[in-house]
PDB file of all heavy atoms in Angstrom:
ATOM      1  N   GLN A   1     -26.238  47.365 -14.828  1.00  0.00           N
ATOM      2  CA  GLN A   1     -26.878  47.085 -16.116  1.00  0.00           C
ATOM      3  C   GLN A   1     -28.120  47.964 -16.258  1.00  0.00           C
ATOM      4  O   GLN A   1     -28.959  47.919 -15.400  1.00  0.00           O
ATOM      5  CB  GLN A   1     -27.246  45.629 -16.234  1.00  0.00           C
ATOM      6  CG  GLN A   1     -26.038  44.676 -16.125  1.00  0.00           C
ATOM      7  CD  GLN A   1     -26.477  43.288 -16.448  1.00  0.00           C
ATOM      8  OE1 GLN A   1     -27.601  42.967 -16.967  1.00  0.00           O
ATOM      9  NE2 GLN A   1     -25.621  42.328 -16.171  1.00  0.00           N
ATOM     10  N   LEU A   2     -28.088  48.822 -17.258  1.00  0.00           N
ATOM     11  CA  LEU A   2     -29.220  49.696 -17.486  1.00  0.00           C
ATOM     12  C   LEU A   2     -29.755  49.568 -18.907  1.00  0.00           C
ATOM     13  O   LEU A   2     -28.938  49.733 -19.832  1.00  0.00           O
ATOM     14  CB  LEU A   2     -28.892  51.168 -17.246  1.00  0.00           C
ATOM     15  CG  LEU A   2     -28.572  51.598 -15.729  1.00  0.00           C
ATOM     16  CD1 LEU A   2     -28.228  53.097 -15.764  1.00  0.00           C
ATOM     17  CD2 LEU A   2     -29.762  51.303 -14.881  1.00  0.00           C
ATOM     18  N   GLY A   3     -31.027  49.293 -19.066  1.00  0.00           N
ATOM     19  CA  GLY A   3     -31.602  49.295 -20.411  1.00  0.00           C
ATOM     20  C   GLY A   3     -32.031  50.705 -20.829  1.00  0.00           C
ATOM     21  O   GLY A   3     -31.764  51.645 -20.116  1.00  0.00           O
ATOM     22  N   LEU A   4     -32.753  50.864 -21.855  1.00  0.00           N
ATOM     23  CA  LEU A   4     -33.295  52.139 -22.272  1.00  0.00           C
ATOM     24  C   LEU A   4     -34.443  52.557 -21.366  1.00  0.00           C
ATOM     25  O   LEU A   4     -35.200  51.762 -20.920  1.00  0.00           O
ATOM     26  CB  LEU A   4     -33.691  52.126 -23.695  1.00  0.00           C
ATOM     27  CG  LEU A   4     -32.612  51.799 -24.753  1.00  0.00           C
ATOM     28  CD1 LEU A   4     -33.182  51.722 -26.141  1.00  0.00           C
ATOM     29  CD2 LEU A   4     -31.457  52.755 -24.656  1.00  0.00           C
ATOM     30  N   GLY A   5     -34.623  53.844 -21.094  1.00  0.00           N
ATOM     31  CA  GLY A   5     -35.707  54.331 -20.295  1.00  0.00           C
ATOM     32  C   GLY A   5     -35.253  54.805 -18.899  1.00  0.00           C
ATOM     33  O   GLY A   5     -34.149  55.035 -18.612  1.00  0.00           O
ATOM     34  N   GLU A   6     -36.351  54.871 -18.051  1.00  0.00           N
ATOM     35  CA  GLU A   6     -36.128  55.360 -16.652  1.00  0.00           C
ATOM     36  C   GLU A   6     -35.871  54.195 -15.701  1.00  0.00           C
ATOM     37  O   GLU A   6     -36.478  53.133 -15.848  1.00  0.00           O
ATOM     38  CB  GLU A   6     -37.327  56.191 -16.192  1.00  0.00           C
ATOM     39  CG  GLU A   6     -37.514  57.422 -17.000  1.00  0.00           C
ATOM     40  CD  GLU A   6     -38.679  58.280 -16.468  1.00  0.00           C
ATOM     41  OE1 GLU A   6     -39.303  57.892 -15.504  1.00  0.00           O
ATOM     42  OE2 GLU A   6     -38.985  59.289 -17.115  1.00  0.00           O
ATOM     43  N   HIS A   7     -35.010  54.421 -14.669  1.00  0.00           N
ATOM     44  CA  HIS A   7     -34.661  53.495 -13.766  1.00  0.00           C
ATOM     45  C   HIS A   7     -34.552  54.090 -12.329  1.00  0.00           C
ATOM     46  O   HIS A   7     -34.149  55.287 -12.221  1.00  0.00           O
ATOM     47  CB  HIS A   7     -33.311  52.794 -14.062  1.00  0.00           C
ATOM     48  CG  HIS A   7     -33.323  52.161 -15.453  1.00  0.00           C
ATOM     49  ND1 HIS A   7     -33.663  50.883 -15.738  1.00  0.00           N
ATOM     50  CD2 HIS A   7     -32.960  52.674 -16.669  1.00  0.00           C
ATOM     51  CE1 HIS A   7     -33.589  50.651 -16.997  1.00  0.00           C
ATOM     52  NE2 HIS A   7     -33.056  51.672 -17.566  1.00  0.00           N
ATOM     53  N   ASP A   8     -34.876  53.298 -11.298  1.00  0.00           N
ATOM     54  CA  ASP A   8     -34.709  53.692  -9.940  1.00  0.00           C
ATOM     55  C   ASP A   8     -33.518  52.926  -9.333  1.00  0.00           C
ATOM     56  O   ASP A   8     -33.554  51.683  -9.308  1.00  0.00           O
ATOM     57  CB  ASP A   8     -35.982  53.435  -9.116  1.00  0.00           C
ATOM     58  CG  ASP A   8     -37.008  54.544  -9.348  1.00  0.00           C
ATOM     59  OD1 ASP A   8     -36.685  55.662  -9.653  1.00  0.00           O
ATOM     60  OD2 ASP A   8     -38.254  54.168  -9.217  1.00  0.00           O
ATOM     61  N   LEU A   9     -32.543  53.637  -8.912  1.00  0.00           N
ATOM     62  CA  LEU A   9     -31.377  53.039  -8.214  1.00  0.00           C
ATOM     63  C   LEU A   9     -31.622  53.117  -6.700  1.00  0.00           C
ATOM     64  O   LEU A   9     -31.711  54.255  -6.213  1.00  0.00           O
ATOM     65  CB  LEU A   9     -30.071  53.723  -8.546  1.00  0.00           C
ATOM     66  CG  LEU A   9     -29.797  53.813 -10.111  1.00  0.00           C
ATOM     67  CD1 LEU A   9     -28.452  54.630 -10.284  1.00  0.00           C
ATOM     68  CD2 LEU A   9     -29.612  52.416 -10.692  1.00  0.00           C
ATOM     69  N   HIS A  10     -31.677  52.007  -6.014  1.00  0.00           N
ATOM     70  CA  HIS A  10     -31.965  52.022  -4.555  1.00  0.00           C
ATOM     71  C   HIS A  10     -30.690  51.719  -3.844  1.00  0.00           C
ATOM     72  O   HIS A  10     -30.077  50.636  -4.068  1.00  0.00           O
ATOM     73  CB  HIS A  10     -33.068  50.996  -4.257  1.00  0.00           C
ATOM     74  CG  HIS A  10     -34.434  51.474  -4.634  1.00  0.00           C
ATOM     75  ND1 HIS A  10     -35.085  52.357  -3.822  1.00  0.00           N
ATOM     76  CD2 HIS A  10     -35.212  51.230  -5.717  1.00  0.00           C
ATOM     77  CE1 HIS A  10     -36.310  52.557  -4.444  1.00  0.00           C
ATOM     78  NE2 HIS A  10     -36.376  51.936  -5.517  1.00  0.00           N
ATOM     79  N   PHE A  11     -30.383  52.501  -2.876  1.00  0.00           N
ATOM     80  CA  PHE A  11     -29.183  52.316  -2.001  1.00  0.00           C
ATOM     81  C   PHE A  11     -29.814  52.114  -0.575  1.00  0.00           C
ATOM     82  O   PHE A  11     -30.432  52.977  -0.080  1.00  0.00           O
ATOM     83  CB  PHE A  11     -28.253  53.490  -2.060  1.00  0.00           C
ATOM     84  CG  PHE A  11     -27.690  53.791  -3.374  1.00  0.00           C
ATOM     85  CD1 PHE A  11     -28.306  54.592  -4.275  1.00  0.00           C
ATOM     86  CD2 PHE A  11     -26.488  53.232  -3.736  1.00  0.00           C
ATOM     87  CE1 PHE A  11     -27.798  54.863  -5.533  1.00  0.00           C
ATOM     88  CE2 PHE A  11     -25.906  53.426  -5.013  1.00  0.00           C
ATOM     89  CZ  PHE A  11     -26.552  54.248  -5.848  1.00  0.00           C
ATOM     90  N   SER A  12     -29.414  50.935   0.027  1.00  0.00           N
ATOM     91  CA  SER A  12     -30.053  50.616   1.259  1.00  0.00           C
ATOM     92  C   SER A  12     -28.890  50.582   2.289  1.00  0.00           C
ATOM     93  O   SER A  12     -27.837  50.045   2.088  1.00  0.00           O
ATOM     94  CB  SER A  12     -30.752  49.253   1.279  1.00  0.00           C
ATOM     95  OG  SER A  12     -31.851  49.362   0.335  1.00  0.00           O
ATOM     96  N   PHE A  13     -29.237  51.141   3.506  1.00  0.00           N
ATOM     97  CA  PHE A  13     -28.306  51.175   4.615  1.00  0.00           C
ATOM     98  C   PHE A  13     -28.885  50.668   5.944  1.00  0.00           C
ATOM     99  O   PHE A  13     -30.046  51.011   6.191  1.00  0.00           O
ATOM    100  CB  PHE A  13     -27.761  52.651   4.888  1.00  0.00           C
ATOM    101  CG  PHE A  13     -27.425  53.395   3.682  1.00  0.00           C
ATOM    102  CD1 PHE A  13     -28.361  54.137   3.057  1.00  0.00           C
ATOM    103  CD2 PHE A  13     -26.171  53.360   3.178  1.00  0.00           C
ATOM    104  CE1 PHE A  13     -28.056  54.863   1.861  1.00  0.00           C
ATOM    105  CE2 PHE A  13     -25.806  54.102   2.043  1.00  0.00           C
ATOM    106  CZ  PHE A  13     -26.734  54.845   1.389  1.00  0.00           C
ATOM    107  N   PRO A  14     -28.171  49.745   6.630  1.00  0.00           N
ATOM    108  CA  PRO A  14     -28.801  49.362   7.939  1.00  0.00           C
ATOM    109  C   PRO A  14     -29.152  50.481   8.841  1.00  0.00           C
ATOM    110  O   PRO A  14     -30.090  50.436   9.536  1.00  0.00           O
ATOM    111  CB  PRO A  14     -27.656  48.392   8.541  1.00  0.00           C
ATOM    112  CG  PRO A  14     -26.849  47.999   7.312  1.00  0.00           C
ATOM    113  CD  PRO A  14     -26.944  49.136   6.412  1.00  0.00           C
ATOM    114  N   GLU A  15     -28.290  51.474   8.837  1.00  0.00           N
ATOM    115  CA  GLU A  15     -28.462  52.702   9.548  1.00  0.00           C
ATOM    116  C   GLU A  15     -27.453  53.804   9.034  1.00  0.00           C
ATOM    117  O   GLU A  15     -26.414  53.427   8.425  1.00  0.00           O
ATOM    118  CB  GLU A  15     -28.379  52.532  11.062  1.00  0.00           C
ATOM    119  CG  GLU A  15     -27.007  52.047  11.481  1.00  0.00           C
ATOM    120  CD  GLU A  15     -26.987  51.848  13.024  1.00  0.00           C
ATOM    121  OE1 GLU A  15     -27.719  52.532  13.733  1.00  0.00           O
ATOM    122  OE2 GLU A  15     -26.167  51.063  13.498  1.00  0.00           O
ATOM    123  N   LEU A  16     -27.796  55.108   9.321  1.00  0.00           N
ATOM    124  CA  LEU A  16     -26.908  56.151   9.021  1.00  0.00           C
ATOM    125  C   LEU A  16     -26.649  56.904  10.376  1.00  0.00           C
ATOM    126  O   LEU A  16     -27.341  57.895  10.601  1.00  0.00           O
ATOM    127  CB  LEU A  16     -27.448  57.028   7.963  1.00  0.00           C
ATOM    128  CG  LEU A  16     -27.188  56.682   6.493  1.00  0.00           C
ATOM    129  CD1 LEU A  16     -27.917  57.726   5.496  1.00  0.00           C
ATOM    130  CD2 LEU A  16     -25.774  56.513   6.137  1.00  0.00           C
ATOM    131  N   PRO A  17     -25.690  56.535  11.167  1.00  0.00           N
ATOM    132  CA  PRO A  17     -25.550  57.149  12.517  1.00  0.00           C
ATOM    133  C   PRO A  17     -24.798  58.467  12.350  1.00  0.00           C
ATOM    134  O   PRO A  17     -23.803  58.706  13.020  1.00  0.00           O
ATOM    135  CB  PRO A  17     -24.731  56.156  13.259  1.00  0.00           C
ATOM    136  CG  PRO A  17     -23.829  55.507  12.181  1.00  0.00           C
ATOM    137  CD  PRO A  17     -24.723  55.400  10.896  1.00  0.00           C
ATOM    138  N   LEU A  18     -25.322  59.413  11.589  1.00  0.00           N
ATOM    139  CA  LEU A  18     -24.728  60.722  11.430  1.00  0.00           C
ATOM    140  C   LEU A  18     -25.317  61.743  12.353  1.00  0.00           C
ATOM    141  O   LEU A  18     -26.478  61.671  12.767  1.00  0.00           O
ATOM    142  CB  LEU A  18     -24.948  61.199   9.911  1.00  0.00           C
ATOM    143  CG  LEU A  18     -24.366  60.356   8.821  1.00  0.00           C
ATOM    144  CD1 LEU A  18     -24.791  60.847   7.426  1.00  0.00           C
ATOM    145  CD2 LEU A  18     -22.852  60.244   8.934  1.00  0.00           C
ATOM    146  N   ARG A  19     -24.508  62.749  12.709  1.00  0.00           N
ATOM    147  CA  ARG A  19     -25.011  63.791  13.557  1.00  0.00           C
ATOM    148  C   ARG A  19     -26.052  64.592  12.833  1.00  0.00           C
ATOM    149  O   ARG A  19     -26.005  64.702  11.572  1.00  0.00           O
ATOM    150  CB  ARG A  19     -23.812  64.747  14.000  1.00  0.00           C
ATOM    151  CG  ARG A  19     -22.855  64.097  14.976  1.00  0.00           C
ATOM    152  CD  ARG A  19     -21.697  64.925  15.227  1.00  0.00           C
ATOM    153  NE  ARG A  19     -22.100  66.292  15.738  1.00  0.00           N
ATOM    154  CZ  ARG A  19     -22.508  66.503  17.028  1.00  0.00           C
ATOM    155  NH1 ARG A  19     -22.504  65.598  17.863  1.00  0.00           N
ATOM    156  NH2 ARG A  19     -22.834  67.752  17.399  1.00  0.00           N
ATOM    157  N   PRO A  20     -27.078  65.168  13.587  1.00  0.00           N
ATOM    158  CA  PRO A  20     -28.045  65.899  12.914  1.00  0.00           C
ATOM    159  C   PRO A  20     -27.566  67.029  12.130  1.00  0.00           C
ATOM    160  O   PRO A  20     -26.581  67.724  12.513  1.00  0.00           O
ATOM    161  CB  PRO A  20     -28.908  66.411  14.100  1.00  0.00           C
ATOM    162  CG  PRO A  20     -28.731  65.401  15.171  1.00  0.00           C
ATOM    163  CD  PRO A  20     -27.299  64.928  15.023  1.00  0.00           C
ATOM    164  N   GLY A  21     -28.071  67.306  10.877  1.00  0.00           N
ATOM    165  CA  GLY A  21     -27.595  68.352  10.031  1.00  0.00           C
ATOM    166  C   GLY A  21     -27.915  68.041   8.610  1.00  0.00           C
ATOM    167  O   GLY A  21     -28.648  67.039   8.264  1.00  0.00           O
ATOM    168  N   ALA A  22     -27.388  68.841   7.692  1.00  0.00           N
ATOM    169  CA  ALA A  22     -27.575  68.682   6.250  1.00  0.00           C
ATOM    170  C   ALA A  22     -26.329  68.013   5.602  1.00  0.00           C
ATOM    171  O   ALA A  22     -25.225  68.309   5.968  1.00  0.00           O
ATOM    172  CB  ALA A  22     -27.810  70.046   5.611  1.00  0.00           C
ATOM    173  N   TYR A  23     -26.553  67.082   4.665  1.00  0.00           N
ATOM    174  CA  TYR A  23     -25.526  66.363   4.046  1.00  0.00           C
ATOM    175  C   TYR A  23     -25.711  66.355   2.484  1.00  0.00           C
ATOM    176  O   TYR A  23     -26.869  66.324   2.094  1.00  0.00           O
ATOM    177  CB  TYR A  23     -25.428  64.948   4.561  1.00  0.00           C
ATOM    178  CG  TYR A  23     -25.015  64.887   6.014  1.00  0.00           C
ATOM    179  CD1 TYR A  23     -25.927  64.959   6.987  1.00  0.00           C
ATOM    180  CD2 TYR A  23     -23.724  64.769   6.377  1.00  0.00           C
ATOM    181  CE1 TYR A  23     -25.586  64.887   8.332  1.00  0.00           C
ATOM    182  CE2 TYR A  23     -23.333  64.680   7.713  1.00  0.00           C
ATOM    183  CZ  TYR A  23     -24.307  64.804   8.646  1.00  0.00           C
ATOM    184  OH  TYR A  23     -23.954  64.783   9.967  1.00  0.00           O
ATOM    185  N   SER A  24     -24.634  66.394   1.830  1.00  0.00           N
ATOM    186  CA  SER A  24     -24.729  66.464   0.346  1.00  0.00           C
ATOM    187  C   SER A  24     -24.374  65.116  -0.236  1.00  0.00           C
ATOM    188  O   SER A  24     -23.399  64.399   0.145  1.00  0.00           O
ATOM    189  CB  SER A  24     -23.636  67.459  -0.166  1.00  0.00           C
ATOM    190  OG  SER A  24     -23.656  67.493  -1.574  1.00  0.00           O
ATOM    191  N   LEU A  25     -25.183  64.586  -1.168  1.00  0.00           N
ATOM    192  CA  LEU A  25     -25.071  63.311  -1.802  1.00  0.00           C
ATOM    193  C   LEU A  25     -24.546  63.506  -3.220  1.00  0.00           C
ATOM    194  O   LEU A  25     -25.152  64.323  -3.946  1.00  0.00           O
ATOM    195  CB  LEU A  25     -26.420  62.493  -1.805  1.00  0.00           C
ATOM    196  CG  LEU A  25     -26.986  62.190  -0.481  1.00  0.00           C
ATOM    197  CD1 LEU A  25     -28.306  61.496  -0.705  1.00  0.00           C
ATOM    198  CD2 LEU A  25     -26.028  61.192   0.272  1.00  0.00           C
TER     199      LEU A  25
END
């Protein structure tokens, strides 16, 4: 649900056990 205007979408993760490097979202 989004009204008019600006909004922050927050995605929370207990952890991201990824190998060191660059990742694309």
